Amino acid sequence: MDGFHRGWCVLLACCAASLLLSGCWSRNEINDIAVVTAIGIDKQKDQYTVSLQVPISRLLGPAISGGGTNTKLVSDAARTISETGATIMEAYRKIQQKVPREIYFTHSRIIIFGQELAQSGILPVMDFFERYRQPQLASYILVTKGKALDVLSYKPKIESLDGHQFREELTNGSVLAVHAKDFMNALMNDGIEPSAGQVEVISGYNRRKKETTGQNLDLPDEKTTIAMLGTAVFKDDKLVGWLDDEETRGLLWIKNEVKSGSVITVAVPETEGGGTISAQLNACKTKVTPNIGGDEPSLGLRINSGVEIYENNSRLDLSDPRTVEKVEKMMEAAALSRIGEVLDKVQKEWRADIFGFGDAFYRKYPKVWNQELKKQWDDRFPYLPVRITVQVKVVGTGLSNKSYRDGFK
């Protein structure tokens, strides 16, 4: 290598080193920012209320360090700040004026909509999150029957922050988990309507002793926990109804979102000795098959699942292959019933294609969809014939085939 090229190599190496040693001009120091972990949006008449959950770092320290005994620090480890304005941006700017640090949304993973806002239409709110420079589309969308502010004001008992508790529940596969980007796609695209998980702060009951009589009474306690109770169903950008917990499980089957670890429980008929059997799903696959033939389009749902039995409170002997086949049929019937109920409710009552059946037709028959079905889908979806096939295979019965009711003899 000649001297000229050697000199250029030295210069480039020096420039690279200087870039690595110099700081980033646009960096945000942790002591200069207020990190938001969850966002709540409510609406009353024509005013929006924005609520932000911001951790208090000096209170998080003792709870995280391990071995700490000050549980009050854990429950008070976040502050919820709210303001109201004619737009989301106006309310947000009012909050920023109250906070001495720059509000930082990048780590927020939860967006909660209050019921009144959801019923009035959430497209203006989603427009804000899509346009704002800090990424929000990776956040989960949740809806509550009350106010989002009430949910964010709740002090969790296990996790130090509400946002952490929401995220844990949303990733365990037993509730509907919808990211903002997917919610927005359902809003903007034909052939699918939005849906989101439902969250509530619920009251618990403690066994308390009545001092005057010595009797034990079930008395309402203060609101004690946050629960994912079901699903919010939207038509266009407006909330039209709710699915309960059981119906949500049927929805997860249809949408192919049942994860390993979910549980299915069946009641054994009294003619077979009664009791219940619970199994954990190890694998679940749903195949959606649109069909265009004859006078009307139709759709097939084929669901295959492998389960492992973990609890047998019946008299059934699971060492007998014929008995295992009976259990499989019971589980197939239970899944079929649950799926049929949610299909009937969503199709007939709300006429909202939260399953994405229209999108399935578009993917398989794009020409027919664009020329015919797209314009008629709102009228066709409520009467779309859906053929459901469920196959459950027991792949394990735990460490024992016997029932405890027979003494494991």
Protein backbone atom coordinates (compact mmCIF):
# COMPACT_ATOMS: atom_id res chain seq x y z
CA MET A 1 0.00 0.00 0.00
CA ASP A 2 1.50 3.38 -1.04
CA GLY A 3 1.73 6.39 1.24
CA PHE A 4 -1.30 8.12 -0.29
CA HIS A 5 -3.69 5.24 0.37
CA ARG A 6 -2.15 4.61 3.79
CA GLY A 7 -2.86 8.23 4.72
CA TRP A 8 -6.51 7.92 3.70
CA CYS A 9 -6.91 4.77 5.78
CA VAL A 10 -5.52 6.53 8.84
CA LEU A 11 -7.84 9.51 8.29
CA LEU A 12 -10.94 7.30 7.95
CA ALA A 13 -9.99 5.36 11.09
CA CYS A 14 -9.64 8.61 13.04
CA CYS A 15 -13.03 9.84 11.81
CA ALA A 16 -14.71 6.57 12.82
CA ALA A 17 -13.12 6.72 16.25
CA SER A 18 -14.26 10.30 16.75
CA LEU A 19 -17.84 9.33 15.89
CA LEU A 20 -17.77 6.52 18.44
CA LEU A 21 -16.33 8.73 21.15
CA SER A 22 -18.67 11.66 20.59
CA GLY A 23 -22.14 11.69 22.09
CA CYS A 24 -25.43 11.73 20.18
CA TRP A 25 -26.66 15.29 19.77
CA SER A 26 -30.31 14.24 20.02
CA ARG A 27 -30.03 11.87 22.98
CA ASN A 28 -32.45 12.05 25.90
CA GLU A 29 -30.91 11.62 29.32
CA ILE A 30 -32.97 9.44 31.67
CA ASN A 31 -33.06 12.22 34.27
CA ASP A 32 -34.57 14.60 31.71
CA ILE A 33 -37.55 12.53 30.59
CA ALA A 34 -40.84 11.21 32.01
CA VAL A 35 -41.36 7.70 30.61
CA VAL A 36 -45.01 6.81 29.93
CA THR A 37 -45.95 3.15 30.48
CA ALA A 38 -49.69 3.32 29.68
CA ILE A 39 -52.12 5.77 28.08
CA GLY A 40 -55.85 6.21 28.74
CA ILE A 41 -58.28 8.19 26.56
CA ASP A 42 -61.80 9.20 27.65
CA LYS A 43 -64.40 11.45 26.06
CA GLN A 44 -67.27 13.43 27.54
CA LYS A 45 -69.41 15.39 25.11
CA ASP A 46 -66.86 17.08 22.81
CA GLN A 47 -63.89 17.01 25.21
CA TYR A 48 -61.09 14.43 25.36
CA THR A 49 -59.40 13.43 28.61
CA VAL A 50 -55.87 12.07 28.23
CA SER A 51 -54.39 10.12 31.16
CA LEU A 52 -50.74 9.09 31.29
CA GLN A 53 -49.21 6.62 33.72
CA VAL A 54 -45.67 7.71 34.58
CA PRO A 55 -43.39 5.62 36.85
CA ILE A 56 -41.68 7.36 39.74
CA SER A 57 -38.12 6.07 39.49
CA ARG A 58 -37.16 6.81 43.10
CA LEU A 59 -40.04 4.58 44.28
CA LEU A 60 -39.37 1.78 41.83
CA GLY A 61 -35.84 1.22 43.11
CA PRO A 62 -36.54 -0.45 46.50
CA ALA A 63 -39.25 -2.67 45.02
CA ILE A 64 -37.02 -3.95 42.28
CA SER A 65 -33.80 -4.35 44.23
CA GLY A 66 -35.08 -7.47 45.98
CA GLY A 67 -35.44 -8.19 49.67
CA GLY A 68 -37.28 -4.93 50.24
CA THR A 69 -40.14 -4.86 52.69
CA ASN A 70 -41.72 -1.50 51.88
CA THR A 71 -44.71 -2.68 49.83
CA LYS A 72 -46.22 0.80 49.84
CA LEU A 73 -43.42 1.87 47.51
CA VAL A 74 -44.52 -0.81 45.05
CA SER A 75 -48.19 0.22 45.06
CA ASP A 76 -47.36 3.91 44.72
CA ALA A 77 -44.63 3.42 42.11
CA ALA A 78 -46.50 5.33 39.38
CA ARG A 79 -48.40 8.56 39.05
CA THR A 80 -51.38 9.04 36.73
CA ILE A 81 -51.58 12.53 35.21
CA SER A 82 -54.72 13.70 33.36
CA GLU A 83 -55.84 16.73 31.40
CA THR A 84 -58.80 17.59 29.17
CA GLY A 85 -58.88 19.36 25.82
CA ALA A 86 -60.78 19.73 22.56
CA THR A 87 -58.23 17.42 20.89
CA ILE A 88 -55.79 14.75 22.03
CA MET A 89 -52.87 17.04 21.25
CA GLU A 90 -54.33 19.90 23.28
CA ALA A 91 -54.84 17.68 26.33
CA TYR A 92 -51.33 16.26 25.92
CA ARG A 93 -49.76 19.72 25.79
CA LYS A 94 -51.56 20.68 29.00
CA ILE A 95 -50.03 17.62 30.68
CA GLN A 96 -46.59 18.54 29.39
CA GLN A 97 -46.94 21.99 31.00
CA LYS A 98 -47.52 20.27 34.37
CA VAL A 99 -44.55 17.88 34.08
CA PRO A 100 -41.01 19.28 34.51
CA ARG A 101 -39.52 16.57 32.26
CA GLU A 102 -40.09 15.83 28.59
CA ILE A 103 -42.85 13.24 28.19
CA TYR A 104 -41.50 10.17 26.43
CA PHE A 105 -43.97 7.71 24.81
CA THR A 106 -41.56 5.24 23.23
CA HIS A 107 -41.85 2.67 26.05
CA SER A 108 -45.65 2.84 26.32
CA ARG A 109 -47.22 -0.48 25.39
CA ILE A 110 -50.85 -0.03 26.51
CA ILE A 111 -53.61 2.27 25.16
CA ILE A 112 -56.97 2.12 26.96
CA PHE A 113 -60.20 3.59 25.57
CA GLY A 114 -63.13 4.47 27.81
CA GLN A 115 -66.59 3.25 26.78
CA GLU A 116 -68.06 6.67 25.94
CA LEU A 117 -65.13 7.44 23.65
CA ALA A 118 -65.33 4.02 21.97
CA GLN A 119 -69.06 4.41 21.33
CA SER A 120 -68.63 7.87 19.81
CA GLY A 121 -65.91 6.78 17.38
CA ILE A 122 -62.17 6.36 17.86
CA LEU A 123 -60.83 7.19 14.39
CA PRO A 124 -59.72 10.72 15.44
CA VAL A 125 -57.78 9.21 18.35
CA MET A 126 -56.11 6.58 16.19
CA ASP A 127 -55.20 9.33 13.73
CA PHE A 128 -53.19 11.03 16.48
CA PHE A 129 -51.29 7.86 17.39
CA GLU A 130 -50.54 7.13 13.74
CA ARG A 131 -49.17 10.62 13.06
CA TYR A 132 -47.29 11.32 16.28
CA ARG A 133 -43.54 10.90 15.83
CA GLN A 134 -42.99 8.60 18.82
CA PRO A 135 -44.05 5.02 17.95
CA GLN A 136 -47.41 3.93 19.37
CA LEU A 137 -48.54 1.33 16.87
CA ALA A 138 -46.77 -1.48 18.76
CA SER A 139 -48.99 -0.81 21.81
CA TYR A 140 -51.87 -3.07 22.79
CA ILE A 141 -55.41 -1.66 22.51
CA LEU A 142 -57.82 -2.25 25.42
CA VAL A 143 -61.36 -1.00 26.08
CA THR A 144 -63.14 -0.60 29.42
CA LYS A 145 -66.85 -0.28 30.22
CA GLY A 146 -66.12 2.67 32.48
CA LYS A 147 -63.42 5.31 32.25
CA ALA A 148 -59.86 4.66 31.20
CA LEU A 149 -58.72 7.03 33.96
CA ASP A 150 -60.22 4.71 36.61
CA VAL A 151 -58.27 1.75 35.25
CA LEU A 152 -54.97 3.63 35.19
CA SER A 153 -55.58 4.99 38.69
CA TYR A 154 -55.77 1.46 40.09
CA LYS A 155 -52.73 0.44 42.15
CA PRO A 156 -51.75 -3.16 41.27
CA LYS A 157 -51.05 -5.66 44.03
CA ILE A 158 -48.48 -7.86 42.28
CA GLU A 159 -46.81 -5.90 39.49
CA SER A 160 -45.44 -2.47 40.36
CA LEU A 161 -47.09 -0.88 37.31
CA ASP A 162 -50.47 -1.39 35.60
CA GLY A 163 -48.79 -1.48 32.21
CA HIS A 164 -46.66 -4.45 33.25
CA GLN A 165 -49.70 -6.36 34.54
CA PHE A 166 -51.65 -5.72 31.32
CA ARG A 167 -48.77 -6.89 29.18
CA GLU A 168 -48.34 -10.11 31.16
CA GLU A 169 -52.02 -11.02 30.78
CA LEU A 170 -52.11 -10.11 27.09
CA THR A 171 -49.22 -12.40 26.24
CA ASN A 172 -50.46 -15.52 28.04
CA GLY A 173 -52.82 -16.52 25.22
CA SER A 174 -56.10 -16.57 27.17
CA VAL A 175 -57.34 -13.10 26.12
CA LEU A 176 -57.57 -11.22 22.84
CA ALA A 177 -54.35 -9.30 22.26
CA VAL A 178 -54.59 -6.62 19.54
CA HIS A 179 -51.80 -4.22 18.61
CA ALA A 180 -52.62 -0.68 17.54
CA LYS A 181 -51.26 -1.27 14.04
CA ASP A 182 -53.56 -4.29 13.55
CA PHE A 183 -56.50 -2.36 15.02
CA MET A 184 -55.79 0.47 12.58
CA ASN A 185 -55.56 -1.96 9.65
CA ALA A 186 -58.96 -3.40 10.55
CA LEU A 187 -60.36 0.14 10.67
CA MET A 188 -59.03 1.10 7.26
CA ASN A 189 -59.40 -2.16 5.29
CA ASP A 190 -62.47 -3.86 3.86
CA GLY A 191 -63.50 -7.36 4.92
CA ILE A 192 -62.67 -7.07 8.62
CA GLU A 193 -63.91 -5.04 11.59
CA PRO A 194 -61.85 -4.07 14.66
CA SER A 195 -62.00 -5.80 18.04
CA ALA A 196 -59.97 -5.37 21.22
CA GLY A 197 -59.53 -6.85 24.69
CA GLN A 198 -61.77 -5.68 27.53
CA VAL A 199 -60.24 -4.62 30.85
CA GLU A 200 -61.99 -3.81 34.14
CA VAL A 201 -61.17 -3.05 37.74
CA ILE A 202 -63.37 -5.49 39.64
CA SER A 203 -64.45 -5.79 43.25
CA GLY A 204 -63.45 -8.73 45.38
CA TYR A 205 -65.12 -10.36 48.39
CA ASN A 206 -63.43 -11.06 51.68
CA ARG A 207 -64.62 -13.37 54.41
CA ARG A 208 -65.09 -11.01 57.33
CA LYS A 209 -66.27 -11.76 60.81
CA LYS A 210 -69.21 -9.75 62.08
CA GLU A 211 -68.16 -8.68 65.56
CA THR A 212 -71.65 -8.47 67.06
CA THR A 213 -72.81 -11.98 66.15
CA GLY A 214 -69.60 -13.83 65.34
CA GLN A 215 -71.03 -14.84 61.97
CA ASN A 216 -68.93 -14.95 58.82
CA LEU A 217 -70.35 -12.78 56.05
CA ASP A 218 -69.37 -12.14 52.44
CA LEU A 219 -69.02 -8.37 52.38
CA PRO A 220 -67.90 -6.34 49.37
CA ASP A 221 -64.29 -5.31 49.62
CA GLU A 222 -62.61 -2.38 47.91
CA LYS A 223 -61.77 -2.80 44.23
CA THR A 224 -58.97 -5.29 44.33
CA THR A 225 -57.77 -6.38 40.93
CA ILE A 226 -57.65 -5.73 37.22
CA ALA A 227 -59.20 -8.42 35.02
CA MET A 228 -59.37 -9.12 31.32
CA LEU A 229 -63.03 -10.02 31.04
CA GLY A 230 -63.80 -10.33 27.35
CA THR A 231 -63.77 -8.51 24.02
CA ALA A 232 -64.98 -5.16 22.70
CA VAL A 233 -66.67 -5.48 19.28
CA PHE A 234 -66.55 -2.58 16.80
CA LYS A 235 -68.50 -1.76 13.66
CA ASP A 236 -66.45 0.70 11.64
CA ASP A 237 -64.83 2.80 14.39
CA LYS A 238 -67.66 2.60 16.94
CA LEU A 239 -68.11 0.16 19.83
CA VAL A 240 -71.30 -1.88 19.29
CA GLY A 241 -71.11 -4.66 21.88
CA TRP A 242 -69.16 -7.00 24.15
CA LEU A 243 -68.21 -10.66 24.24
CA ASP A 244 -67.82 -12.28 27.64
CA ASP A 245 -64.91 -14.46 28.70
CA GLU A 246 -66.37 -17.73 27.38
CA GLU A 247 -67.34 -16.14 24.06
CA THR A 248 -63.87 -14.64 23.74
CA ARG A 249 -62.36 -18.12 23.91
CA GLY A 250 -64.57 -19.10 20.98
CA LEU A 251 -63.36 -16.01 19.12
CA LEU A 252 -59.73 -17.02 19.72
CA TRP A 253 -60.45 -20.45 18.18
CA ILE A 254 -61.91 -18.84 15.07
CA LYS A 255 -59.09 -16.31 14.68
CA ASN A 256 -56.40 -18.99 15.14
CA GLU A 257 -55.06 -17.18 18.20
CA VAL A 258 -55.36 -19.93 20.81
CA LYS A 259 -51.89 -20.45 22.24
CA SER A 260 -50.33 -23.46 23.88
CA GLY A 261 -51.15 -23.43 27.57
CA SER A 262 -54.81 -22.50 27.18
CA VAL A 263 -57.26 -24.74 29.06
CA ILE A 264 -60.47 -26.48 28.02
CA THR A 265 -62.80 -28.04 30.61
CA VAL A 266 -65.72 -30.38 29.92
CA ALA A 267 -68.49 -31.67 32.17
CA VAL A 268 -68.88 -35.45 32.10
CA PRO A 269 -72.55 -36.56 31.82
CA GLU A 270 -74.13 -38.07 34.91
CA THR A 271 -74.75 -41.21 32.88
CA GLU A 272 -70.96 -41.57 32.72
CA GLY A 273 -70.48 -40.87 36.42
CA GLY A 274 -70.40 -37.04 36.37
CA GLY A 275 -67.49 -34.78 37.25
CA THR A 276 -65.20 -32.66 35.09
CA ILE A 277 -62.03 -33.08 33.04
CA SER A 278 -59.58 -30.26 32.28
CA ALA A 279 -56.94 -30.35 29.57
CA GLN A 280 -54.23 -28.03 28.37
CA LEU A 281 -53.92 -27.26 24.68
CA ASN A 282 -50.48 -28.12 23.34
CA ALA A 283 -51.20 -27.19 19.74
CA CYS A 284 -54.14 -25.60 17.95
CA LYS A 285 -54.57 -24.77 14.28
CA THR A 286 -57.57 -23.17 12.55
CA LYS A 287 -57.93 -23.24 8.78
CA VAL A 288 -60.39 -20.87 7.11
CA THR A 289 -61.60 -21.94 3.65
CA PRO A 290 -63.82 -19.54 1.67
CA ASN A 291 -65.92 -21.06 -1.10
CA ILE A 292 -67.80 -19.51 -3.99
CA GLY A 293 -70.16 -21.92 -5.66
CA GLY A 294 -73.87 -22.14 -6.29
CA ASP A 295 -75.99 -19.17 -5.37
CA GLU A 296 -74.23 -18.00 -2.21
CA PRO A 297 -70.66 -17.89 -0.87
CA SER A 298 -69.90 -20.09 2.13
CA LEU A 299 -67.00 -20.66 4.46
CA GLY A 300 -65.44 -23.65 6.17
CA LEU A 301 -63.68 -23.62 9.55
CA ARG A 302 -61.50 -26.62 10.36
CA ILE A 303 -59.94 -26.70 13.82
CA ASN A 304 -57.38 -29.27 14.93
CA SER A 305 -56.02 -29.37 18.44
CA GLY A 306 -53.84 -31.59 20.59
CA VAL A 307 -54.51 -31.60 24.35
CA GLU A 308 -52.95 -33.08 27.46
CA ILE A 309 -55.23 -33.94 30.37
CA TYR A 310 -54.05 -32.51 33.68
CA GLU A 311 -57.13 -32.95 35.87
CA ASN A 312 -59.69 -35.75 35.99
CA ASN A 313 -62.44 -35.23 38.55
CA SER A 314 -64.66 -37.90 37.02
CA ARG A 315 -64.87 -41.68 37.28
CA LEU A 316 -63.62 -42.19 33.74
CA ASP A 317 -60.66 -44.53 33.32
CA LEU A 318 -58.30 -42.78 30.91
CA SER A 319 -56.19 -45.92 30.49
CA ASP A 320 -58.97 -47.24 28.24
CA PRO A 321 -58.53 -45.99 24.64
CA ARG A 322 -62.31 -46.10 24.11
CA THR A 323 -62.79 -43.80 27.10
CA VAL A 324 -60.18 -41.40 25.74
CA GLU A 325 -62.10 -41.28 22.46
CA LYS A 326 -65.25 -40.35 24.42
CA VAL A 327 -63.37 -37.52 26.11
CA GLU A 328 -62.13 -36.28 22.75
CA LYS A 329 -65.70 -36.20 21.46
CA MET A 330 -66.81 -34.28 24.57
CA MET A 331 -64.11 -31.68 24.00
CA GLU A 332 -64.95 -31.41 20.32
CA ALA A 333 -68.60 -30.84 21.19
CA ALA A 334 -67.67 -28.20 23.79
CA ALA A 335 -65.46 -26.32 21.33
CA LEU A 336 -68.09 -26.58 18.59
CA SER A 337 -70.77 -25.19 20.89
CA ARG A 338 -68.60 -22.28 22.02
CA ILE A 339 -67.61 -21.37 18.47
CA GLY A 340 -71.20 -21.64 17.23
CA GLU A 341 -72.46 -19.33 19.97
CA VAL A 342 -69.98 -16.56 19.24
CA LEU A 343 -70.56 -16.86 15.49
CA ASP A 344 -74.31 -16.55 15.91
CA LYS A 345 -74.02 -13.58 18.27
CA VAL A 346 -71.56 -11.60 16.16
CA GLN A 347 -73.25 -12.33 12.83
CA LYS A 348 -76.86 -11.83 13.84
CA GLU A 349 -76.69 -9.29 16.66
CA TRP A 350 -73.87 -6.95 15.65
CA ARG A 351 -73.31 -7.82 11.97
CA ALA A 352 -69.64 -6.98 12.46
CA ASP A 353 -67.05 -9.18 10.73
CA ILE A 354 -64.41 -9.17 13.47
CA PHE A 355 -63.28 -12.61 12.24
CA GLY A 356 -61.92 -11.26 8.95
CA PHE A 357 -64.00 -13.64 6.81
CA GLY A 358 -64.36 -10.95 4.14
CA ASP A 359 -60.60 -10.56 4.02
CA ALA A 360 -60.28 -14.33 3.53
CA PHE A 361 -62.59 -14.11 0.49
CA TYR A 362 -60.55 -11.21 -0.87
CA ARG A 363 -57.31 -13.19 -0.59
CA LYS A 364 -58.71 -16.26 -2.35
CA TYR A 365 -61.06 -14.58 -4.80
CA PRO A 366 -59.77 -11.00 -5.29
CA LYS A 367 -61.63 -10.43 -8.56
CA VAL A 368 -65.00 -11.63 -7.24
CA TRP A 369 -64.48 -9.68 -4.02
CA ASN A 370 -63.73 -6.39 -5.76
CA GLN A 371 -66.47 -6.75 -8.37
CA GLU A 372 -69.27 -8.11 -6.22
CA LEU A 373 -68.77 -9.13 -2.58
CA LYS A 374 -67.05 -5.97 -1.32
CA LYS A 375 -70.10 -3.78 -1.96
CA GLN A 376 -72.52 -6.34 -0.52
CA TRP A 377 -70.52 -7.66 2.45
CA ASP A 378 -72.42 -5.79 5.17
CA ASP A 379 -75.61 -7.49 3.96
CA ARG A 380 -74.08 -10.89 3.16
CA PHE A 381 -71.97 -11.44 6.28
CA PRO A 382 -74.89 -11.90 8.75
CA TYR A 383 -76.22 -14.78 6.62
CA LEU A 384 -72.92 -16.34 5.54
CA PRO A 385 -73.12 -20.14 6.01
CA VAL A 386 -70.19 -21.36 8.11
CA ARG A 387 -69.41 -25.08 8.35
CA ILE A 388 -67.39 -25.92 11.47
CA THR A 389 -65.28 -29.04 11.91
CA VAL A 390 -63.43 -29.64 15.19
CA GLN A 391 -60.96 -32.44 15.85
CA VAL A 392 -59.38 -32.86 19.30
CA LYS A 393 -56.66 -35.41 19.95
CA VAL A 394 -55.62 -36.36 23.49
CA VAL A 395 -51.83 -36.64 23.36
CA GLY A 396 -51.23 -37.24 27.07
CA THR A 397 -53.06 -38.00 30.31
CA GLY A 398 -50.51 -36.81 32.86
CA LEU A 399 -48.75 -39.09 35.32
CA SER A 400 -51.85 -41.15 36.09
CA ASN A 401 -54.71 -42.58 34.05
CA LYS A 402 -56.89 -43.21 37.10
CA SER A 403 -59.35 -40.88 38.79
CA TYR A 404 -58.89 -39.80 42.40
CA ARG A 405 -62.56 -40.69 42.93
CA ASP A 406 -61.60 -44.33 42.48
CA GLY A 407 -58.71 -44.04 44.92
CA PHE A 408 -56.15 -44.63 42.15
CA LYS A 409 -56.66 -48.38 42.59
